[in-house]
Every structure is written in structure tokens, then in C-alpha cells.
N, C-alpha and C. Protein backbone atom coordinates (compact mmCIF):
# COMPACT_ATOMS: atom_id res chain seq x y z
N MET A 1 185.36 -99.58 -144.33
CA MET A 1 184.02 -99.06 -144.15
C MET A 1 183.72 -98.84 -142.67
N LYS A 2 184.14 -99.82 -141.84
CA LYS A 2 183.89 -99.74 -140.41
C LYS A 2 184.62 -98.53 -139.80
N ALA A 3 185.83 -98.28 -140.28
CA ALA A 3 186.62 -97.16 -139.78
C ALA A 3 185.93 -95.84 -140.11
N LYS A 4 185.34 -95.72 -141.29
CA LYS A 4 184.62 -94.51 -141.68
C LYS A 4 183.40 -94.29 -140.80
N MET A 5 182.70 -95.37 -140.46
CA MET A 5 181.51 -95.26 -139.61
C MET A 5 181.90 -94.83 -138.20
N ILE A 6 183.01 -95.40 -137.71
CA ILE A 6 183.49 -95.02 -136.37
C ILE A 6 183.92 -93.56 -136.38
N PHE A 7 184.64 -93.15 -137.42
CA PHE A 7 185.08 -91.76 -137.53
C PHE A 7 183.88 -90.81 -137.59
N ALA A 8 182.86 -91.18 -138.37
CA ALA A 8 181.65 -90.36 -138.48
C ALA A 8 180.92 -90.28 -137.14
N ALA A 9 180.89 -91.38 -136.41
CA ALA A 9 180.23 -91.38 -135.10
C ALA A 9 180.98 -90.49 -134.12
N VAL A 10 182.32 -90.55 -134.15
CA VAL A 10 183.14 -89.71 -133.27
C VAL A 10 182.92 -88.24 -133.61
N LEU A 11 182.89 -87.91 -134.88
CA LEU A 11 182.62 -86.53 -135.30
C LEU A 11 181.25 -86.06 -134.84
N ALA A 12 180.25 -86.91 -135.00
CA ALA A 12 178.89 -86.55 -134.58
C ALA A 12 178.84 -86.33 -133.08
N LEU A 13 179.49 -87.20 -132.32
CA LEU A 13 179.52 -87.06 -130.86
C LEU A 13 180.24 -85.77 -130.46
N ALA A 14 181.37 -85.49 -131.10
CA ALA A 14 182.11 -84.25 -130.79
C ALA A 14 181.26 -83.03 -131.12
N GLY A 15 180.54 -83.08 -132.25
CA GLY A 15 179.66 -81.97 -132.62
C GLY A 15 178.56 -81.77 -131.61
N ALA A 16 177.98 -82.86 -131.13
CA ALA A 16 176.90 -82.77 -130.13
C ALA A 16 177.42 -82.20 -128.83
N VAL A 17 178.61 -82.64 -128.41
CA VAL A 17 179.21 -82.11 -127.17
C VAL A 17 179.50 -80.63 -127.33
N TRP A 18 180.09 -80.24 -128.48
CA TRP A 18 180.40 -78.83 -128.73
C TRP A 18 179.13 -77.99 -128.74
N ALA A 19 178.09 -78.49 -129.40
CA ALA A 19 176.81 -77.76 -129.46
C ALA A 19 176.23 -77.58 -128.07
N GLY A 20 176.30 -78.61 -127.23
CA GLY A 20 175.80 -78.52 -125.86
C GLY A 20 176.57 -77.50 -125.05
N GLN A 21 177.91 -77.51 -125.21
CA GLN A 21 178.73 -76.54 -124.48
C GLN A 21 178.45 -75.12 -124.97
N THR A 22 178.25 -74.97 -126.28
CA THR A 22 177.95 -73.65 -126.83
C THR A 22 176.62 -73.14 -126.30
N ALA A 23 175.62 -74.00 -126.23
CA ALA A 23 174.31 -73.59 -125.70
C ALA A 23 174.42 -73.21 -124.23
N GLU A 24 175.20 -73.98 -123.47
CA GLU A 24 175.40 -73.64 -122.05
C GLU A 24 176.11 -72.30 -121.91
N THR A 25 177.16 -72.11 -122.71
CA THR A 25 177.92 -70.86 -122.67
C THR A 25 177.02 -69.69 -123.06
N THR A 26 176.26 -69.86 -124.13
CA THR A 26 175.37 -68.79 -124.59
C THR A 26 174.36 -68.44 -123.50
N GLY A 27 173.75 -69.45 -122.89
CA GLY A 27 172.77 -69.20 -121.83
C GLY A 27 173.39 -68.48 -120.64
N ALA A 28 174.59 -68.88 -120.26
CA ALA A 28 175.28 -68.24 -119.13
C ALA A 28 175.61 -66.78 -119.46
N VAL A 29 176.07 -66.53 -120.67
CA VAL A 29 176.41 -65.16 -121.08
C VAL A 29 175.14 -64.31 -121.14
N GLU A 30 174.05 -64.85 -121.67
CA GLU A 30 172.78 -64.11 -121.72
C GLU A 30 172.36 -63.67 -120.32
N LYS A 31 172.45 -64.59 -119.36
CA LYS A 31 172.08 -64.25 -117.98
C LYS A 31 173.02 -63.20 -117.39
N GLU A 32 174.31 -63.35 -117.67
CA GLU A 32 175.28 -62.39 -117.14
C GLU A 32 175.04 -60.99 -117.71
N ILE A 33 174.81 -60.91 -119.01
CA ILE A 33 174.56 -59.61 -119.65
C ILE A 33 173.25 -59.01 -119.13
N ALA A 34 172.21 -59.82 -118.98
CA ALA A 34 170.93 -59.32 -118.44
C ALA A 34 171.13 -58.74 -117.04
N SER A 35 171.93 -59.40 -116.22
CA SER A 35 172.22 -58.90 -114.88
C SER A 35 173.02 -57.60 -114.94
N LEU A 36 174.00 -57.55 -115.83
CA LEU A 36 174.79 -56.32 -115.98
C LEU A 36 173.91 -55.16 -116.44
N GLU A 37 172.97 -55.43 -117.35
CA GLU A 37 172.07 -54.38 -117.82
C GLU A 37 171.21 -53.84 -116.67
N LYS A 38 170.73 -54.72 -115.81
CA LYS A 38 169.93 -54.26 -114.66
C LYS A 38 170.76 -53.35 -113.77
N THR A 39 171.99 -53.75 -113.49
CA THR A 39 172.87 -52.94 -112.64
C THR A 39 173.22 -51.62 -113.31
N PHE A 40 173.60 -51.69 -114.58
CA PHE A 40 173.99 -50.52 -115.36
C PHE A 40 172.87 -49.47 -115.38
N ASN A 41 171.65 -49.92 -115.66
CA ASN A 41 170.53 -48.98 -115.73
C ASN A 41 170.07 -48.51 -114.36
N ALA A 42 170.27 -49.31 -113.32
CA ALA A 42 169.97 -48.87 -111.96
C ALA A 42 170.93 -47.75 -111.55
N LEU A 43 172.19 -47.86 -111.94
CA LEU A 43 173.16 -46.80 -111.65
C LEU A 43 172.81 -45.52 -112.41
N TYR A 44 172.37 -45.67 -113.64
CA TYR A 44 171.91 -44.53 -114.44
C TYR A 44 170.73 -43.85 -113.74
N ALA A 45 169.77 -44.64 -113.28
CA ALA A 45 168.59 -44.10 -112.60
C ALA A 45 168.95 -43.43 -111.29
N ALA A 46 169.99 -43.92 -110.62
CA ALA A 46 170.41 -43.38 -109.33
C ALA A 46 171.38 -42.20 -109.48
N ASN A 47 171.74 -41.87 -110.72
CA ASN A 47 172.69 -40.79 -110.98
C ASN A 47 174.03 -41.06 -110.29
N ASP A 48 174.40 -42.33 -110.19
CA ASP A 48 175.65 -42.76 -109.54
C ASP A 48 176.72 -42.88 -110.63
N LEU A 49 177.34 -41.77 -110.94
CA LEU A 49 178.13 -41.65 -112.16
C LEU A 49 179.42 -42.44 -112.20
N THR A 50 180.17 -42.53 -111.13
CA THR A 50 181.46 -43.23 -111.19
C THR A 50 181.28 -44.70 -111.57
N PRO A 51 180.45 -45.47 -110.85
CA PRO A 51 180.29 -46.86 -111.28
C PRO A 51 179.54 -46.99 -112.61
N TYR A 52 178.68 -46.03 -112.92
CA TYR A 52 177.97 -46.05 -114.20
C TYR A 52 178.96 -45.93 -115.36
N PHE A 53 179.86 -44.97 -115.29
CA PHE A 53 180.83 -44.79 -116.37
C PHE A 53 181.85 -45.93 -116.44
N ALA A 54 182.03 -46.67 -115.35
CA ALA A 54 182.97 -47.80 -115.35
C ALA A 54 182.49 -48.94 -116.26
N PHE A 55 181.23 -48.95 -116.64
CA PHE A 55 180.71 -49.98 -117.54
C PHE A 55 181.22 -49.80 -118.96
N TYR A 56 181.65 -48.60 -119.29
CA TYR A 56 182.05 -48.29 -120.66
C TYR A 56 183.52 -48.57 -120.93
N ALA A 57 183.80 -49.04 -122.16
CA ALA A 57 185.18 -49.18 -122.63
C ALA A 57 185.72 -47.78 -122.94
N LYS A 58 187.01 -47.63 -122.78
CA LYS A 58 187.62 -46.32 -123.05
C LYS A 58 187.44 -45.88 -124.49
N ASP A 59 187.32 -46.86 -125.41
CA ASP A 59 187.16 -46.54 -126.83
C ASP A 59 185.69 -46.57 -127.27
N LEU A 60 184.78 -46.31 -126.34
CA LEU A 60 183.35 -46.29 -126.62
C LEU A 60 183.02 -45.37 -127.78
N THR A 61 182.09 -45.85 -128.62
CA THR A 61 181.40 -44.96 -129.56
C THR A 61 179.93 -45.04 -129.19
N GLN A 62 179.25 -43.93 -129.38
CA GLN A 62 177.88 -43.86 -128.90
C GLN A 62 177.05 -42.99 -129.84
N PHE A 63 175.85 -43.46 -130.15
CA PHE A 63 174.89 -42.65 -130.90
C PHE A 63 173.76 -42.27 -129.95
N LEU A 64 173.64 -41.00 -129.69
CA LEU A 64 172.56 -40.43 -128.88
C LEU A 64 171.67 -39.62 -129.82
N PRO A 65 170.50 -39.19 -129.36
CA PRO A 65 169.66 -38.36 -130.24
C PRO A 65 170.40 -37.12 -130.78
N GLU A 66 171.37 -36.63 -130.01
CA GLU A 66 172.12 -35.44 -130.44
C GLU A 66 173.22 -35.78 -131.45
N GLY A 67 173.52 -37.05 -131.64
CA GLY A 67 174.55 -37.44 -132.59
C GLY A 67 175.57 -38.39 -131.98
N ARG A 68 176.63 -38.61 -132.73
CA ARG A 68 177.69 -39.53 -132.33
C ARG A 68 178.62 -38.85 -131.34
N THR A 69 179.08 -39.62 -130.34
CA THR A 69 179.99 -39.08 -129.35
C THR A 69 180.94 -40.17 -128.85
N ASP A 70 181.92 -39.77 -128.07
CA ASP A 70 182.85 -40.71 -127.47
C ASP A 70 182.70 -40.65 -125.95
N LEU A 71 183.44 -41.51 -125.24
CA LEU A 71 183.29 -41.58 -123.79
C LEU A 71 183.68 -40.28 -123.11
N ALA A 72 184.80 -39.70 -123.47
CA ALA A 72 185.26 -38.47 -122.80
C ALA A 72 184.22 -37.36 -122.92
N THR A 73 183.67 -37.19 -124.10
CA THR A 73 182.68 -36.13 -124.31
C THR A 73 181.39 -36.43 -123.55
N TYR A 74 180.92 -37.67 -123.64
CA TYR A 74 179.70 -38.05 -122.94
C TYR A 74 179.87 -37.89 -121.43
N GLN A 75 180.99 -38.35 -120.92
CA GLN A 75 181.24 -38.27 -119.47
C GLN A 75 181.27 -36.80 -119.02
N LYS A 76 181.93 -35.96 -119.77
CA LYS A 76 182.00 -34.53 -119.44
C LYS A 76 180.60 -33.90 -119.48
N ASP A 77 179.87 -34.14 -120.55
CA ASP A 77 178.54 -33.52 -120.71
C ASP A 77 177.53 -34.04 -119.68
N TRP A 78 177.50 -35.36 -119.46
CA TRP A 78 176.51 -35.92 -118.54
C TRP A 78 176.85 -35.55 -117.10
N THR A 79 178.11 -35.52 -116.76
CA THR A 79 178.52 -35.12 -115.40
C THR A 79 178.11 -33.67 -115.14
N ALA A 80 178.31 -32.80 -116.12
CA ALA A 80 177.91 -31.39 -115.97
C ALA A 80 176.39 -31.27 -115.85
N TYR A 81 175.66 -32.05 -116.62
CA TYR A 81 174.19 -32.03 -116.59
C TYR A 81 173.68 -32.42 -115.20
N ILE A 82 174.23 -33.48 -114.62
CA ILE A 82 173.82 -33.93 -113.29
C ILE A 82 174.29 -32.94 -112.22
N ALA A 83 175.50 -32.42 -112.37
CA ALA A 83 176.03 -31.44 -111.41
C ALA A 83 175.18 -30.17 -111.37
N ALA A 84 174.51 -29.87 -112.47
CA ALA A 84 173.65 -28.69 -112.55
C ALA A 84 172.32 -28.89 -111.85
N GLY A 85 172.09 -30.08 -111.28
CA GLY A 85 170.86 -30.33 -110.53
C GLY A 85 169.80 -31.10 -111.29
N ASN A 86 170.10 -31.50 -112.51
CA ASN A 86 169.17 -32.32 -113.28
C ASN A 86 169.27 -33.76 -112.78
N ARG A 87 168.18 -34.52 -112.85
CA ARG A 87 168.18 -35.87 -112.28
C ARG A 87 167.39 -36.85 -113.14
N THR A 88 167.94 -38.06 -113.23
CA THR A 88 167.16 -39.19 -113.72
C THR A 88 166.46 -39.75 -112.50
N GLU A 89 165.16 -39.95 -112.58
CA GLU A 89 164.40 -40.45 -111.43
C GLU A 89 164.08 -41.93 -111.54
N ALA A 90 164.00 -42.45 -112.76
CA ALA A 90 163.73 -43.88 -112.96
C ALA A 90 164.21 -44.27 -114.36
N ALA A 91 164.65 -45.52 -114.47
CA ALA A 91 165.04 -46.09 -115.77
C ALA A 91 164.67 -47.56 -115.72
N GLU A 92 163.58 -47.91 -116.40
CA GLU A 92 163.06 -49.27 -116.34
C GLU A 92 163.21 -49.96 -117.69
N ILE A 93 163.84 -51.13 -117.66
CA ILE A 93 164.06 -51.93 -118.87
C ILE A 93 162.84 -52.82 -119.13
N SER A 94 162.51 -52.96 -120.42
CA SER A 94 161.53 -53.98 -120.83
C SER A 94 161.98 -54.53 -122.18
N ASP A 95 161.42 -55.65 -122.53
CA ASP A 95 161.68 -56.29 -123.83
C ASP A 95 163.17 -56.49 -124.09
N LEU A 96 163.91 -56.94 -123.07
CA LEU A 96 165.34 -57.18 -123.20
C LEU A 96 165.59 -58.41 -124.06
N HIS A 97 166.47 -58.25 -125.04
CA HIS A 97 166.87 -59.35 -125.91
C HIS A 97 168.39 -59.34 -125.98
N VAL A 98 169.02 -60.47 -125.64
CA VAL A 98 170.48 -60.56 -125.65
C VAL A 98 170.89 -61.56 -126.74
N GLN A 99 171.82 -61.14 -127.57
CA GLN A 99 172.39 -62.02 -128.59
C GLN A 99 173.88 -62.18 -128.27
N VAL A 100 174.34 -63.41 -128.25
CA VAL A 100 175.72 -63.71 -127.89
C VAL A 100 176.47 -64.15 -129.14
N GLY A 101 177.69 -63.62 -129.31
CA GLY A 101 178.53 -64.03 -130.44
C GLY A 101 179.00 -65.46 -130.28
N PRO A 102 179.41 -66.10 -131.37
CA PRO A 102 179.79 -67.51 -131.32
C PRO A 102 180.98 -67.81 -130.40
N SER A 103 181.85 -66.86 -130.20
CA SER A 103 183.01 -67.10 -129.33
C SER A 103 182.70 -66.88 -127.86
N GLY A 104 181.51 -66.33 -127.55
CA GLY A 104 181.11 -66.12 -126.16
C GLY A 104 181.71 -64.90 -125.50
N ASP A 105 182.46 -64.09 -126.26
CA ASP A 105 183.07 -62.90 -125.67
C ASP A 105 182.53 -61.61 -126.27
N THR A 106 181.41 -61.71 -126.97
CA THR A 106 180.71 -60.54 -127.50
C THR A 106 179.21 -60.75 -127.27
N ALA A 107 178.52 -59.65 -127.04
CA ALA A 107 177.07 -59.74 -126.85
C ALA A 107 176.43 -58.40 -127.19
N VAL A 108 175.21 -58.48 -127.68
CA VAL A 108 174.43 -57.28 -127.95
C VAL A 108 173.14 -57.38 -127.13
N ALA A 109 172.88 -56.37 -126.33
CA ALA A 109 171.64 -56.30 -125.56
C ALA A 109 170.80 -55.18 -126.14
N SER A 110 169.57 -55.49 -126.53
CA SER A 110 168.66 -54.46 -127.03
C SER A 110 167.40 -54.50 -126.18
N TYR A 111 166.86 -53.31 -125.92
CA TYR A 111 165.71 -53.23 -125.03
C TYR A 111 165.03 -51.87 -125.16
N LEU A 112 163.85 -51.80 -124.55
CA LEU A 112 163.16 -50.52 -124.40
C LEU A 112 163.50 -49.99 -123.01
N LEU A 113 163.69 -48.70 -122.91
CA LEU A 113 164.03 -48.07 -121.64
C LEU A 113 163.05 -46.93 -121.37
N HIS A 114 162.33 -47.06 -120.28
CA HIS A 114 161.38 -46.03 -119.86
C HIS A 114 162.11 -45.15 -118.85
N VAL A 115 162.31 -43.89 -119.20
CA VAL A 115 163.09 -42.97 -118.37
C VAL A 115 162.20 -41.84 -117.87
N LYS A 116 162.25 -41.62 -116.56
CA LYS A 116 161.61 -40.45 -115.97
C LYS A 116 162.72 -39.58 -115.42
N SER A 117 162.64 -38.29 -115.74
CA SER A 117 163.68 -37.37 -115.29
C SER A 117 163.07 -36.04 -114.90
N ARG A 118 163.88 -35.24 -114.24
CA ARG A 118 163.45 -33.92 -113.80
C ARG A 118 164.63 -32.96 -113.93
N THR A 119 164.36 -31.80 -114.54
CA THR A 119 165.41 -30.79 -114.67
C THR A 119 165.57 -30.04 -113.35
N ALA A 120 166.63 -29.29 -113.25
CA ALA A 120 166.88 -28.48 -112.06
C ALA A 120 165.76 -27.46 -111.85
N LYS A 121 165.07 -27.08 -112.93
CA LYS A 121 163.95 -26.13 -112.83
C LYS A 121 162.64 -26.82 -112.46
N GLY A 122 162.68 -28.15 -112.29
CA GLY A 122 161.48 -28.88 -111.88
C GLY A 122 160.65 -29.43 -113.03
N GLU A 123 161.10 -29.28 -114.27
CA GLU A 123 160.35 -29.80 -115.42
C GLU A 123 160.53 -31.31 -115.50
N ALA A 124 159.42 -32.02 -115.54
CA ALA A 124 159.46 -33.49 -115.58
C ALA A 124 159.37 -33.99 -117.02
N ALA A 125 160.05 -35.11 -117.27
CA ALA A 125 159.97 -35.79 -118.57
C ALA A 125 159.68 -37.26 -118.32
N ASP A 126 158.86 -37.83 -119.18
CA ASP A 126 158.50 -39.24 -119.11
C ASP A 126 158.65 -39.76 -120.55
N GLU A 127 159.78 -40.45 -120.82
CA GLU A 127 160.14 -40.79 -122.19
C GLU A 127 160.48 -42.26 -122.33
N TYR A 128 160.40 -42.73 -123.57
CA TYR A 128 160.79 -44.10 -123.91
C TYR A 128 161.92 -44.04 -124.95
N PHE A 129 162.87 -44.94 -124.78
CA PHE A 129 164.00 -45.02 -125.69
C PHE A 129 164.21 -46.46 -126.12
N GLN A 130 164.77 -46.61 -127.30
CA GLN A 130 165.24 -47.90 -127.79
C GLN A 130 166.75 -47.88 -127.58
N GLU A 131 167.27 -48.88 -126.91
CA GLU A 131 168.71 -48.89 -126.65
C GLU A 131 169.30 -50.22 -127.07
N SER A 132 170.49 -50.14 -127.66
CA SER A 132 171.29 -51.32 -127.96
C SER A 132 172.68 -51.09 -127.38
N ASP A 133 173.15 -52.05 -126.60
CA ASP A 133 174.48 -51.98 -126.00
C ASP A 133 175.30 -53.14 -126.55
N VAL A 134 176.47 -52.84 -127.09
CA VAL A 134 177.37 -53.87 -127.60
C VAL A 134 178.46 -54.08 -126.56
N PHE A 135 178.54 -55.30 -126.05
CA PHE A 135 179.53 -55.67 -125.04
C PHE A 135 180.65 -56.50 -125.65
N PHE A 136 181.88 -56.22 -125.23
CA PHE A 136 183.04 -57.08 -125.51
C PHE A 136 183.59 -57.49 -124.16
N LYS A 137 184.02 -58.73 -124.06
CA LYS A 137 184.70 -59.18 -122.84
C LYS A 137 186.19 -58.95 -123.07
N ARG A 138 186.75 -58.04 -122.29
CA ARG A 138 188.16 -57.68 -122.41
C ARG A 138 188.85 -57.87 -121.07
N GLU A 139 189.95 -58.58 -121.09
CA GLU A 139 190.72 -58.83 -119.88
C GLU A 139 189.82 -59.35 -118.75
N GLY A 140 188.88 -60.23 -119.12
CA GLY A 140 188.00 -60.88 -118.15
C GLY A 140 186.80 -60.06 -117.69
N ALA A 141 186.61 -58.86 -118.24
CA ALA A 141 185.49 -58.01 -117.80
C ALA A 141 184.68 -57.56 -119.02
N TRP A 142 183.36 -57.55 -118.85
CA TRP A 142 182.47 -57.05 -119.90
C TRP A 142 182.48 -55.54 -119.91
N LYS A 143 182.66 -54.94 -121.08
CA LYS A 143 182.63 -53.49 -121.26
C LYS A 143 181.73 -53.16 -122.45
N ILE A 144 181.01 -52.05 -122.32
CA ILE A 144 180.19 -51.58 -123.43
C ILE A 144 181.10 -50.80 -124.37
N VAL A 145 181.19 -51.27 -125.62
CA VAL A 145 182.05 -50.62 -126.61
C VAL A 145 181.26 -49.74 -127.56
N HIS A 146 179.96 -50.00 -127.66
CA HIS A 146 179.10 -49.16 -128.50
C HIS A 146 177.70 -49.16 -127.90
N LEU A 147 177.08 -48.00 -127.95
CA LEU A 147 175.72 -47.84 -127.44
C LEU A 147 174.94 -47.00 -128.43
N HIS A 148 173.73 -47.43 -128.73
CA HIS A 148 172.82 -46.65 -129.58
C HIS A 148 171.55 -46.41 -128.78
N TYR A 149 171.19 -45.14 -128.63
CA TYR A 149 170.09 -44.70 -127.76
C TYR A 149 169.24 -43.74 -128.56
N SER A 150 168.02 -44.14 -128.88
CA SER A 150 167.16 -43.27 -129.69
C SER A 150 165.73 -43.27 -129.14
N PRO A 151 164.99 -42.19 -129.38
CA PRO A 151 163.61 -42.11 -128.89
C PRO A 151 162.76 -43.25 -129.46
N ALA A 152 161.84 -43.71 -128.65
CA ALA A 152 160.87 -44.74 -129.07
C ALA A 152 159.47 -44.17 -128.86
N PRO A 153 158.52 -44.70 -129.60
CA PRO A 153 157.13 -44.25 -129.39
C PRO A 153 156.70 -44.59 -127.95
N LYS A 154 155.84 -43.75 -127.40
CA LYS A 154 155.32 -44.01 -126.06
C LYS A 154 154.62 -45.36 -126.04
N GLN A 155 154.92 -46.14 -125.03
CA GLN A 155 154.37 -47.49 -124.92
C GLN A 155 152.97 -47.44 -124.28
N LYS A 156 152.15 -48.39 -124.63
CA LYS A 156 150.79 -48.45 -124.09
C LYS A 156 150.73 -49.35 -122.89
């Protein structure tokens, strides 16, 4: 009986230690992803395409208002759009929520994105989007493997 109680106590202690480490890991990953999102969206707002596209995994899938696309197509289309003189002027995140997978190497960031842009003809847009970015940690680096970007109602 005593051996069973000791074994149960050891299991409970191991579970508590594991739970504490998991909570620490989750919190650290949440902070890291939140920081990456700030940098990622700042690059988008600055039209700084090379480091912006470096956030994406080569096997990215993406849902935009125009439909599903891959990294090569998105990179080609967005680069041409910016090269034509169109500009993102601001991209502000709000309501960021990060969910971390149990293994600590996956995360989903969802948020509202307020985007101000201007076309080469001078037409201004002030829009809100709902965005979800799915991150995988691969070879020690976080990469966005899937992104969903859709219009959101104008915020008050």
C-alpha cells in the first residue's frame, strides 16, 4: 500500500512539473509569436517585401478575398502590385489571440488588421480584415504555413 502511495505521489509531482513547464513554454511561445506578428505586419505596412516574404514557408497555402493561392503566386502578384506604385500605408493589429499547440512547435495567431493603403492613382482605402496565421517551427525558425485573410466589418 505504501509503495502505491509513493508511486502516486511521484506521478502527481511529475504531472505538476510537466504542467508548469508546459505553461512556461506556452507563455514564451505566445510572446514570441506576438512579437513576430508585430514585425511581420510592420514589414507589410512598410512595403519591405524581401523580409516580409521571408516569414512564409515555401509550402504556404493562403486564402485571400480573391481565393486560394500559394507563395509563388502571391509573391509574384504582390511584388507587381507594389512595383506599380501601389502602397500599404499602415497595418495595425488589434485583438491578437495566440493559441499554442501542445508540442510547442505550432501556433495560430488570429487578429483584426486595420489597413490603410493608396493606389498609384492616389485612391485611398481604409479597411479592416480578419487574419489567422498558422505558424510551424521548422529547423529552429517559425514560418507561416497557412494564412487566412478576409474582410471584416468596419470597427467602431
